[in-house]
């Protein structure tokens, strides 16, 4: 039963993200275009360096908010490796929150 509840919770978070994307909303102060610009650099096995668009989007992002997704099962379900995603601010030469 606990596994079923976890799946429902993950599905709900995923749906909120999809609805936000469809409505043009921002996630952690990043536009959907910014998030998509960063996705290749956080997708294994051979991610490229982050693009200028990705770094620009990250420079406006709420990093503390993004860190909340670090242990989420949502990112891997979207093909994003949280360990690679956490490295993006450093690769963009941006401050990285210590709590992440």
PDB file of N, CA and C in Angstrom:
ATOM      1  N   UNK A   1       0.816  -1.187   0.000  1.00  0.00           N
ATOM      2  CA  UNK A   1       0.000   0.000   0.000  1.00  0.00           C
ATOM      3  C   UNK A   1       0.866   1.260   0.000  1.00  0.00           C
ATOM      4  N   UNK A   2       1.973   1.228   0.732  1.00  0.00           N
ATOM      5  CA  UNK A   2       2.866   2.392   0.797  1.00  0.00           C
ATOM      6  C   UNK A   2       3.446   2.706  -0.579  1.00  0.00           C
ATOM      7  N   UNK A   3       3.788   1.677  -1.343  1.00  0.00           N
ATOM      8  CA  UNK A   3       4.310   1.867  -2.692  1.00  0.00           C
ATOM      9  C   UNK A   3       3.276   2.554  -3.572  1.00  0.00           C
ATOM     10  N   UNK A   4       2.030   2.174  -3.423  1.00  0.00           N
ATOM     11  CA  UNK A   4       0.941   2.786  -4.190  1.00  0.00           C
ATOM     12  C   UNK A   4       0.820   4.269  -3.841  1.00  0.00           C
ATOM     13  N   UNK A   5       0.925   4.614  -2.570  1.00  0.00           N
ATOM     14  CA  UNK A   5       0.828   6.015  -2.138  1.00  0.00           C
ATOM     15  C   UNK A   5       1.988   6.835  -2.677  1.00  0.00           C
ATOM     16  N   UNK A   6       3.165   6.256  -2.714  1.00  0.00           N
ATOM     17  CA  UNK A   6       4.325   6.950  -3.265  1.00  0.00           C
ATOM     18  C   UNK A   6       4.121   7.217  -4.748  1.00  0.00           C
ATOM     19  N   UNK A   7       3.595   6.242  -5.461  1.00  0.00           N
ATOM     20  CA  UNK A   7       3.348   6.410  -6.896  1.00  0.00           C
ATOM     21  C   UNK A   7       2.325   7.511  -7.145  1.00  0.00           C
ATOM     22  N   UNK A   8       1.306   7.559  -6.320  1.00  0.00           N
ATOM     23  CA  UNK A   8       0.285   8.609  -6.453  1.00  0.00           C
ATOM     24  C   UNK A   8       0.909   9.975  -6.173  1.00  0.00           C
ATOM     25  N   UNK A   9       1.745  10.071  -5.147  1.00  0.00           N
ATOM     26  CA  UNK A   9       2.391  11.343  -4.815  1.00  0.00           C
ATOM     27  C   UNK A   9       3.299  11.801  -5.951  1.00  0.00           C
ATOM     28  N   UNK A  10       4.060  10.892  -6.524  1.00  0.00           N
ATOM     29  CA  UNK A  10       4.947  11.222  -7.648  1.00  0.00           C
ATOM     30  C   UNK A  10       4.123  11.666  -8.841  1.00  0.00           C
ATOM     31  N   UNK A  11       3.045  10.973  -9.101  1.00  0.00           N
ATOM     32  CA  UNK A  11       2.171  11.333 -10.212  1.00  0.00           C
ATOM     33  C   UNK A  11       1.589  12.734 -10.015  1.00  0.00           C
ATOM     34  N   UNK A  12       1.200  13.048  -8.795  1.00  0.00           N
ATOM     35  CA  UNK A  12       0.644  14.382  -8.507  1.00  0.00           C
ATOM     36  C   UNK A  12       1.684  15.473  -8.747  1.00  0.00           C
ATOM     37  N   UNK A  13       2.906  15.275  -8.292  1.00  0.00           N
ATOM     38  CA  UNK A  13       3.970  16.258  -8.513  1.00  0.00           C
ATOM     39  C   UNK A  13       4.229  16.402 -10.006  1.00  0.00           C
ATOM     40  N   UNK A  14       4.284  15.290 -10.697  1.00  0.00           N
ATOM     41  CA  UNK A  14       4.516  15.310 -12.138  1.00  0.00           C
ATOM     42  C   UNK A  14       3.403  16.076 -12.854  1.00  0.00           C
ATOM     43  N   UNK A  15       2.163  15.846 -12.459  1.00  0.00           N
ATOM     44  CA  UNK A  15       1.037  16.540 -13.083  1.00  0.00           C
ATOM     45  C   UNK A  15       1.087  18.045 -12.817  1.00  0.00           C
ATOM     46  N   UNK A  16       1.469  18.422 -11.611  1.00  0.00           N
ATOM     47  CA  UNK A  16       1.600  19.848 -11.295  1.00  0.00           C
ATOM     48  C   UNK A  16       2.647  20.489 -12.200  1.00  0.00           C
ATOM     49  N   UNK A  17       3.756  19.801 -12.401  1.00  0.00           N
ATOM     50  CA  UNK A  17       4.808  20.326 -13.279  1.00  0.00           C
ATOM     51  C   UNK A  17       4.294  20.431 -14.713  1.00  0.00           C
ATOM     52  N   UNK A  18       3.625  19.399 -15.198  1.00  0.00           N
ATOM     53  CA  UNK A  18       3.110  19.403 -16.568  1.00  0.00           C
ATOM     54  C   UNK A  18       2.076  20.523 -16.747  1.00  0.00           C
ATOM     55  N   UNK A  19       1.188  20.686 -15.780  1.00  0.00           N
ATOM     56  CA  UNK A  19       0.183  21.748 -15.871  1.00  0.00           C
ATOM     57  C   UNK A  19       0.857  23.108 -15.867  1.00  0.00           C
ATOM     58  N   UNK A  20       1.863  23.262 -15.016  1.00  0.00           N
ATOM     59  CA  UNK A  20       2.611  24.521 -14.980  1.00  0.00           C
ATOM     60  C   UNK A  20       3.309  24.790 -16.296  1.00  0.00           C
ATOM     61  N   UNK A  21       3.871  23.753 -16.886  1.00  0.00           N
ATOM     62  CA  UNK A  21       4.540  23.889 -18.178  1.00  0.00           C
ATOM     63  C   UNK A  21       3.531  24.301 -19.245  1.00  0.00           C
ATOM     64  N   UNK A  22       2.381  23.649 -19.237  1.00  0.00           N
ATOM     65  CA  UNK A  22       1.365  23.936 -20.244  1.00  0.00           C
ATOM     66  C   UNK A  22       0.834  25.361 -20.122  1.00  0.00           C
ATOM     67  N   UNK A  23       0.799  25.884 -18.920  1.00  0.00           N
ATOM     68  CA  UNK A  23       0.300  27.237 -18.704  1.00  0.00           C
ATOM     69  C   UNK A  23       1.389  28.293 -18.796  1.00  0.00           C
ATOM     70  N   UNK A  24       2.596  27.901 -19.136  1.00  0.00           N
ATOM     71  CA  UNK A  24       3.688  28.862 -19.285  1.00  0.00           C
ATOM     72  C   UNK A  24       4.214  29.381 -17.959  1.00  0.00           C
ATOM     73  N   UNK A  25       3.927  28.687 -16.885  1.00  0.00           N
ATOM     74  CA  UNK A  25       4.393  29.131 -15.582  1.00  0.00           C
ATOM     75  C   UNK A  25       5.863  28.811 -15.414  1.00  0.00           C
ATOM     76  N   UNK A  26       6.404  29.357 -14.362  1.00  0.00           N
ATOM     77  CA  UNK A  26       7.812  29.149 -14.075  1.00  0.00           C
ATOM     78  C   UNK A  26       7.950  28.200 -12.892  1.00  0.00           C
ATOM     79  N   UNK A  27       9.035  27.484 -12.877  1.00  0.00           N
ATOM     80  CA  UNK A  27       9.356  26.586 -11.778  1.00  0.00           C
ATOM     81  C   UNK A  27      10.657  27.074 -11.167  1.00  0.00           C
ATOM     82  N   UNK A  28      10.602  27.412  -9.893  1.00  0.00           N
ATOM     83  CA  UNK A  28      11.782  27.918  -9.172  1.00  0.00           C
ATOM     84  C   UNK A  28      12.381  29.126  -9.893  1.00  0.00           C
ATOM     85  N   UNK A  29      11.518  29.961 -10.430  1.00  0.00           N
ATOM     86  CA  UNK A  29      11.914  31.181 -11.142  1.00  0.00           C
ATOM     87  C   UNK A  29      12.645  30.893 -12.458  1.00  0.00           C
ATOM     88  N   UNK A  30      12.446  29.697 -12.999  1.00  0.00           N
ATOM     89  CA  UNK A  30      13.001  29.343 -14.311  1.00  0.00           C
ATOM     90  C   UNK A  30      11.857  29.069 -15.260  1.00  0.00           C
ATOM     91  N   UNK A  31      11.947  29.624 -16.459  1.00  0.00           N
ATOM     92  CA  UNK A  31      10.935  29.352 -17.470  1.00  0.00           C
ATOM     93  C   UNK A  31      11.092  27.921 -17.969  1.00  0.00           C
ATOM     94  N   UNK A  32      10.074  27.444 -18.613  1.00  0.00           N
ATOM     95  CA  UNK A  32      10.124  26.102 -19.199  1.00  0.00           C
ATOM     96  C   UNK A  32      11.237  26.041 -20.241  1.00  0.00           C
ATOM     97  N   UNK A  33      11.386  27.110 -21.014  1.00  0.00           N
ATOM     98  CA  UNK A  33      12.451  27.145 -22.026  1.00  0.00           C
ATOM     99  C   UNK A  33      13.819  27.040 -21.361  1.00  0.00           C
ATOM    100  N   UNK A  34      13.985  27.708 -20.233  1.00  0.00           N
ATOM    101  CA  UNK A  34      15.249  27.631 -19.498  1.00  0.00           C
ATOM    102  C   UNK A  34      15.504  26.236 -18.969  1.00  0.00           C
ATOM    103  N   UNK A  35      14.465  25.617 -18.422  1.00  0.00           N
ATOM    104  CA  UNK A  35      14.596  24.245 -17.925  1.00  0.00           C
ATOM    105  C   UNK A  35      14.971  23.294 -19.050  1.00  0.00           C
ATOM    106  N   UNK A  36      14.309  23.449 -20.188  1.00  0.00           N
ATOM    107  CA  UNK A  36      14.595  22.574 -21.336  1.00  0.00           C
ATOM    108  C   UNK A  36      15.993  22.838 -21.899  1.00  0.00           C
ATOM    109  N   UNK A  37      16.470  24.083 -21.795  1.00  0.00           N
ATOM    110  CA  UNK A  37      17.822  24.388 -22.263  1.00  0.00           C
ATOM    111  C   UNK A  37      18.864  23.686 -21.395  1.00  0.00           C
ATOM    112  N   UNK A  38      18.534  23.453 -20.131  1.00  0.00           N
ATOM    113  CA  UNK A  38      19.479  22.800 -19.212  1.00  0.00           C
ATOM    114  C   UNK A  38      19.378  21.275 -19.228  1.00  0.00           C
ATOM    115  N   UNK A  39      18.267  20.749 -19.701  1.00  0.00           N
ATOM    116  CA  UNK A  39      18.056  19.299 -19.644  1.00  0.00           C
ATOM    117  C   UNK A  39      19.170  18.490 -20.302  1.00  0.00           C
ATOM    118  N   UNK A  40      19.638  18.836 -21.507  1.00  0.00           N
ATOM    119  CA  UNK A  40      20.700  18.012 -22.110  1.00  0.00           C
ATOM    120  C   UNK A  40      21.956  17.917 -21.237  1.00  0.00           C
ATOM    121  N   UNK A  41      22.258  18.977 -20.504  1.00  0.00           N
ATOM    122  CA  UNK A  41      23.465  19.001 -19.675  1.00  0.00           C
ATOM    123  C   UNK A  41      23.290  18.239 -18.372  1.00  0.00           C
ATOM    124  N   UNK A  42      22.083  17.770 -18.119  1.00  0.00           N
ATOM    125  CA  UNK A  42      21.824  16.988 -16.907  1.00  0.00           C
ATOM    126  C   UNK A  42      21.271  15.606 -17.257  1.00  0.00           C
ATOM    127  N   UNK A  43      21.492  15.199 -18.512  1.00  0.00           N
ATOM    128  CA  UNK A  43      21.004  13.907 -18.980  1.00  0.00           C
ATOM    129  C   UNK A  43      22.180  13.014 -19.342  1.00  0.00           C
ATOM    130  N   UNK A  44      22.288  11.852 -18.687  1.00  0.00           N
ATOM    131  CA  UNK A  44      23.374  10.936 -19.006  1.00  0.00           C
ATOM    132  C   UNK A  44      23.183  10.310 -20.384  1.00  0.00           C
ATOM    133  N   UNK A  45      24.170   9.673 -20.964  1.00  0.00           N
ATOM    134  CA  UNK A  45      25.463   9.330 -20.375  1.00  0.00           C
ATOM    135  C   UNK A  45      26.565  10.352 -20.666  1.00  0.00           C
ATOM    136  N   UNK A  46      26.460  11.131 -21.725  1.00  0.00           N
ATOM    137  CA  UNK A  46      27.526  12.074 -22.089  1.00  0.00           C
ATOM    138  C   UNK A  46      26.950  13.484 -22.232  1.00  0.00           C
ATOM    139  N   UNK A  47      26.655  14.125 -21.111  1.00  0.00           N
ATOM    140  CA  UNK A  47      26.028  15.449 -21.194  1.00  0.00           C
ATOM    141  C   UNK A  47      26.989  16.515 -21.709  1.00  0.00           C
ATOM    142  N   UNK A  48      26.502  17.401 -22.575  1.00  0.00           N
ATOM    143  CA  UNK A  48      27.345  18.507 -23.040  1.00  0.00           C
ATOM    144  C   UNK A  48      27.458  19.567 -21.950  1.00  0.00           C
ATOM    145  N   UNK A  49      28.358  20.492 -22.136  1.00  0.00           N
ATOM    146  CA  UNK A  49      28.464  21.630 -21.228  1.00  0.00           C
ATOM    147  C   UNK A  49      27.164  22.429 -21.326  1.00  0.00           C
ATOM    148  N   UNK A  50      26.764  23.098 -20.254  1.00  0.00           N
ATOM    149  CA  UNK A  50      25.529  23.886 -20.327  1.00  0.00           C
ATOM    150  C   UNK A  50      25.638  25.013 -21.349  1.00  0.00           C
ATOM    151  N   UNK A  51      24.550  25.248 -22.034  1.00  0.00           N
ATOM    152  CA  UNK A  51      24.505  26.311 -23.046  1.00  0.00           C
ATOM    153  C   UNK A  51      24.417  27.678 -22.377  1.00  0.00           C
ATOM    154  N   UNK A  52      24.637  28.709 -23.167  1.00  0.00           N
ATOM    155  CA  UNK A  52      24.512  30.073 -22.648  1.00  0.00           C
ATOM    156  C   UNK A  52      23.079  30.321 -22.176  1.00  0.00           C
ATOM    157  N   UNK A  53      22.102  29.766 -22.889  1.00  0.00           N
ATOM    158  CA  UNK A  53      20.703  29.932 -22.488  1.00  0.00           C
ATOM    159  C   UNK A  53      20.434  29.255 -21.147  1.00  0.00           C
ATOM    160  N   UNK A  54      21.007  28.082 -20.950  1.00  0.00           N
ATOM    161  CA  UNK A  54      20.853  27.365 -19.685  1.00  0.00           C
ATOM    162  C   UNK A  54      21.465  28.187 -18.550  1.00  0.00           C
ATOM    163  N   UNK A  55      22.666  28.656 -18.742  1.00  0.00           N
ATOM    164  CA  UNK A  55      23.354  29.425 -17.694  1.00  0.00           C
ATOM    165  C   UNK A  55      22.611  30.723 -17.388  1.00  0.00           C
ATOM    166  N   UNK A  56      22.075  31.359 -18.416  1.00  0.00           N
ATOM    167  CA  UNK A  56      21.302  32.578 -18.205  1.00  0.00           C
ATOM    168  C   UNK A  56      20.056  32.272 -17.378  1.00  0.00           C
ATOM    169  N   UNK A  57      19.372  31.192 -17.701  1.00  0.00           N
ATOM    170  CA  UNK A  57      18.183  30.805 -16.945  1.00  0.00           C
ATOM    171  C   UNK A  57      18.539  30.477 -15.501  1.00  0.00           C
ATOM    172  N   UNK A  58      19.641  29.765 -15.309  1.00  0.00           N
ATOM    173  CA  UNK A  58      20.074  29.418 -13.951  1.00  0.00           C
ATOM    174  C   UNK A  58      20.453  30.655 -13.142  1.00  0.00           C
ATOM    175  N   UNK A  59      20.956  31.675 -13.813  1.00  0.00           N
ATOM    176  CA  UNK A  59      21.376  32.883 -13.082  1.00  0.00           C
ATOM    177  C   UNK A  59      20.183  33.596 -12.452  1.00  0.00           C
ATOM    178  N   UNK A  60      18.978  33.340 -12.953  1.00  0.00           N
ATOM    179  CA  UNK A  60      17.769  33.956 -12.404  1.00  0.00           C
ATOM    180  C   UNK A  60      16.975  32.987 -11.522  1.00  0.00           C
ATOM    181  N   UNK A  61      17.430  31.748 -11.449  1.00  0.00           N
ATOM    182  CA  UNK A  61      16.680  30.710 -10.739  1.00  0.00           C
ATOM    183  C   UNK A  61      16.826  30.837  -9.228  1.00  0.00           C
ATOM    184  N   UNK A  62      15.834  30.335  -8.555  1.00  0.00           N
ATOM    185  CA  UNK A  62      15.875  30.211  -7.100  1.00  0.00           C
ATOM    186  C   UNK A  62      16.553  28.876  -6.805  1.00  0.00           C
ATOM    187  N   UNK A  63      17.843  28.927  -6.509  1.00  0.00           N
ATOM    188  CA  UNK A  63      18.626  27.699  -6.337  1.00  0.00           C
ATOM    189  C   UNK A  63      18.148  26.875  -5.146  1.00  0.00           C
ATOM    190  N   UNK A  64      17.730  27.533  -4.088  1.00  0.00           N
ATOM    191  CA  UNK A  64      17.235  26.791  -2.930  1.00  0.00           C
ATOM    192  C   UNK A  64      16.000  25.988  -3.319  1.00  0.00           C
ATOM    193  N   UNK A  65      15.144  26.587  -4.103  1.00  0.00           N
ATOM    194  CA  UNK A  65      13.951  25.890  -4.598  1.00  0.00           C
ATOM    195  C   UNK A  65      14.354  24.701  -5.465  1.00  0.00           C
ATOM    196  N   UNK A  66      15.294  24.913  -6.373  1.00  0.00           N
ATOM    197  CA  UNK A  66      15.741  23.815  -7.248  1.00  0.00           C
ATOM    198  C   UNK A  66      16.362  22.682  -6.447  1.00  0.00           C
ATOM    199  N   UNK A  67      17.049  23.021  -5.365  1.00  0.00           N
ATOM    200  CA  UNK A  67      17.671  21.989  -4.529  1.00  0.00           C
ATOM    201  C   UNK A  67      16.628  21.059  -3.915  1.00  0.00           C
ATOM    202  N   UNK A  68      15.410  21.548  -3.754  1.00  0.00           N
ATOM    203  CA  UNK A  68      14.351  20.710  -3.202  1.00  0.00           C
ATOM    204  C   UNK A  68      14.023  19.522  -4.108  1.00  0.00           C
ATOM    205  N   UNK A  69      14.398  19.612  -5.369  1.00  0.00           N
ATOM    206  CA  UNK A  69      14.142  18.521  -6.306  1.00  0.00           C
ATOM    207  C   UNK A  69      15.291  17.503  -6.342  1.00  0.00           C
ATOM    208  N   UNK A  70      16.349  17.777  -5.589  1.00  0.00           N
ATOM    209  CA  UNK A  70      17.552  16.935  -5.633  1.00  0.00           C
ATOM    210  C   UNK A  70      17.251  15.465  -5.368  1.00  0.00           C
ATOM    211  N   UNK A  71      16.445  15.179  -4.379  1.00  0.00           N
ATOM    212  CA  UNK A  71      16.150  13.786  -4.025  1.00  0.00           C
ATOM    213  C   UNK A  71      14.790  13.331  -4.537  1.00  0.00           C
ATOM    214  N   UNK A  72      14.199  14.122  -5.393  1.00  0.00           N
ATOM    215  CA  UNK A  72      12.886  13.798  -5.939  1.00  0.00           C
ATOM    216  C   UNK A  72      13.003  12.701  -6.988  1.00  0.00           C
ATOM    217  N   UNK A  73      11.980  11.888  -7.070  1.00  0.00           N
ATOM    218  CA  UNK A  73      11.932  10.851  -8.100  1.00  0.00           C
ATOM    219  C   UNK A  73      11.411  11.419  -9.418  1.00  0.00           C
ATOM    220  N   UNK A  74      10.980  12.677  -9.400  1.00  0.00           N
ATOM    221  CA  UNK A  74      10.461  13.311 -10.608  1.00  0.00           C
ATOM    222  C   UNK A  74      11.570  13.506 -11.628  1.00  0.00           C
ATOM    223  N   UNK A  75      12.727  13.994 -11.189  1.00  0.00           N
ATOM    224  CA  UNK A  75      13.817  14.260 -12.134  1.00  0.00           C
ATOM    225  C   UNK A  75      14.243  13.007 -12.892  1.00  0.00           C
ATOM    226  N   UNK A  76      14.542  11.907 -12.207  1.00  0.00           N
ATOM    227  CA  UNK A  76      14.915  10.705 -12.958  1.00  0.00           C
ATOM    228  C   UNK A  76      13.811  10.228 -13.898  1.00  0.00           C
ATOM    229  N   UNK A  77      12.556  10.442 -13.521  1.00  0.00           N
ATOM    230  CA  UNK A  77      11.465  10.012 -14.403  1.00  0.00           C
ATOM    231  C   UNK A  77      11.426  10.846 -15.676  1.00  0.00           C
ATOM    232  N   UNK A  78      12.039  12.034 -15.644  1.00  0.00           N
ATOM    233  CA  UNK A  78      12.125  12.890 -16.821  1.00  0.00           C
ATOM    234  C   UNK A  78      13.442  12.713 -17.563  1.00  0.00           C
ATOM    235  N   UNK A  79      14.275  11.761 -17.104  1.00  0.00           N
ATOM    236  CA  UNK A  79      15.554  11.497 -17.748  1.00  0.00           C
ATOM    237  C   UNK A  79      16.673  12.391 -17.255  1.00  0.00           C
ATOM    238  N   UNK A  80      16.448  13.104 -16.162  1.00  0.00           N
ATOM    239  CA  UNK A  80      17.442  14.033 -15.616  1.00  0.00           C
ATOM    240  C   UNK A  80      18.141  13.385 -14.432  1.00  0.00           C
ATOM    241  N   UNK A  81      19.454  13.430 -14.443  1.00  0.00           N
ATOM    242  CA  UNK A  81      20.255  12.897 -13.346  1.00  0.00           C
ATOM    243  C   UNK A  81      20.469  14.025 -12.332  1.00  0.00           C
ATOM    244  N   UNK A  82      19.908  13.903 -11.118  1.00  0.00           N
ATOM    245  CA  UNK A  82      20.060  14.968 -10.123  1.00  0.00           C
ATOM    246  C   UNK A  82      21.522  15.319  -9.823  1.00  0.00           C
ATOM    247  N   UNK A  83      22.408  14.335  -9.856  1.00  0.00           N
ATOM    248  CA  UNK A  83      23.826  14.610  -9.590  1.00  0.00           C
ATOM    249  C   UNK A  83      24.417  15.519 -10.670  1.00  0.00           C
ATOM    250  N   UNK A  84      24.017  15.304 -11.914  1.00  0.00           N
ATOM    251  CA  UNK A  84      24.486  16.170 -13.003  1.00  0.00           C
ATOM    252  C   UNK A  84      23.837  17.547 -12.903  1.00  0.00           C
ATOM    253  N   UNK A  85      22.568  17.584 -12.537  1.00  0.00           N
ATOM    254  CA  UNK A  85      21.857  18.856 -12.428  1.00  0.00           C
ATOM    255  C   UNK A  85      22.477  19.745 -11.351  1.00  0.00           C
ATOM    256  N   UNK A  86      22.904  19.151 -10.254  1.00  0.00           N
ATOM    257  CA  UNK A  86      23.507  19.919  -9.158  1.00  0.00           C
ATOM    258  C   UNK A  86      24.833  20.553  -9.593  1.00  0.00           C
ATOM    259  N   UNK A  87      25.496  19.981 -10.571  1.00  0.00           N
ATOM    260  CA  UNK A  87      26.775  20.506 -11.049  1.00  0.00           C
ATOM    261  C   UNK A  87      26.630  21.702 -11.987  1.00  0.00           C
ATOM    262  N   UNK A  88      25.428  21.940 -12.505  1.00  0.00           N
ATOM    263  CA  UNK A  88      25.237  22.987 -13.505  1.00  0.00           C
ATOM    264  C   UNK A  88      25.604  24.391 -13.026  1.00  0.00           C
ATOM    265  N   UNK A  89      25.197  24.816 -11.824  1.00  0.00           N
ATOM    266  CA  UNK A  89      25.603  26.177 -11.402  1.00  0.00           C
ATOM    267  C   UNK A  89      27.121  26.362 -11.408  1.00  0.00           C
ATOM    268  N   UNK A  90      27.835  25.374 -10.929  1.00  0.00           N
ATOM    269  CA  UNK A  90      29.305  25.464 -10.910  1.00  0.00           C
ATOM    270  C   UNK A  90      29.849  25.536 -12.336  1.00  0.00           C
ATOM    271  N   UNK A  91      29.299  24.736 -13.231  1.00  0.00           N
ATOM    272  CA  UNK A  91      29.763  24.763 -14.623  1.00  0.00           C
ATOM    273  C   UNK A  91      29.442  26.093 -15.288  1.00  0.00           C
ATOM    274  N   UNK A  92      28.388  26.764 -14.816  1.00  0.00           N
ATOM    275  CA  UNK A  92      28.021  28.082 -15.343  1.00  0.00           C
ATOM    276  C   UNK A  92      28.713  29.214 -14.567  1.00  0.00           C
ATOM    277  N   UNK A  93      29.566  28.828 -13.623  1.00  0.00           N
ATOM    278  CA  UNK A  93      30.283  29.791 -12.786  1.00  0.00           C
ATOM    279  C   UNK A  93      29.313  30.678 -11.997  1.00  0.00           C
ATOM    280  N   UNK A  94      28.301  30.029 -11.426  1.00  0.00           N
ATOM    281  CA  UNK A  94      27.310  30.711 -10.611  1.00  0.00           C
ATOM    282  C   UNK A  94      27.445  30.249  -9.160  1.00  0.00           C
ATOM    283  N   UNK A  95      26.996  31.065  -8.225  1.00  0.00           N
ATOM    284  CA  UNK A  95      27.028  30.625  -6.811  1.00  0.00           C
ATOM    285  C   UNK A  95      26.140  29.395  -6.625  1.00  0.00           C
ATOM    286  N   UNK A  96      26.591  28.535  -5.787  1.00  0.00           N
ATOM    287  CA  UNK A  96      25.873  27.296  -5.516  1.00  0.00           C
ATOM    288  C   UNK A  96      25.459  27.311  -4.050  1.00  0.00           C
ATOM    289  N   UNK A  97      24.183  27.098  -3.749  1.00  0.00           N
ATOM    290  CA  UNK A  97      23.767  27.125  -2.341  1.00  0.00           C
ATOM    291  C   UNK A  97      24.415  25.986  -1.555  1.00  0.00           C
ATOM    292  N   UNK A  98      24.890  26.309  -0.371  1.00  0.00           N
ATOM    293  CA  UNK A  98      25.594  25.318   0.437  1.00  0.00           C
ATOM    294  C   UNK A  98      24.641  24.252   0.967  1.00  0.00           C
ATOM    295  N   UNK A  99      23.375  24.570   1.078  1.00  0.00           N
ATOM    296  CA  UNK A  99      22.422  23.604   1.623  1.00  0.00           C
ATOM    297  C   UNK A  99      22.047  22.523   0.616  1.00  0.00           C
ATOM    298  N   UNK A 100      22.422  22.691  -0.618  1.00  0.00           N
ATOM    299  CA  UNK A 100      22.072  21.724  -1.654  1.00  0.00           C
ATOM    300  C   UNK A 100      23.043  20.600  -1.575  1.00  0.00           C
TER     301      UNK A 100
END
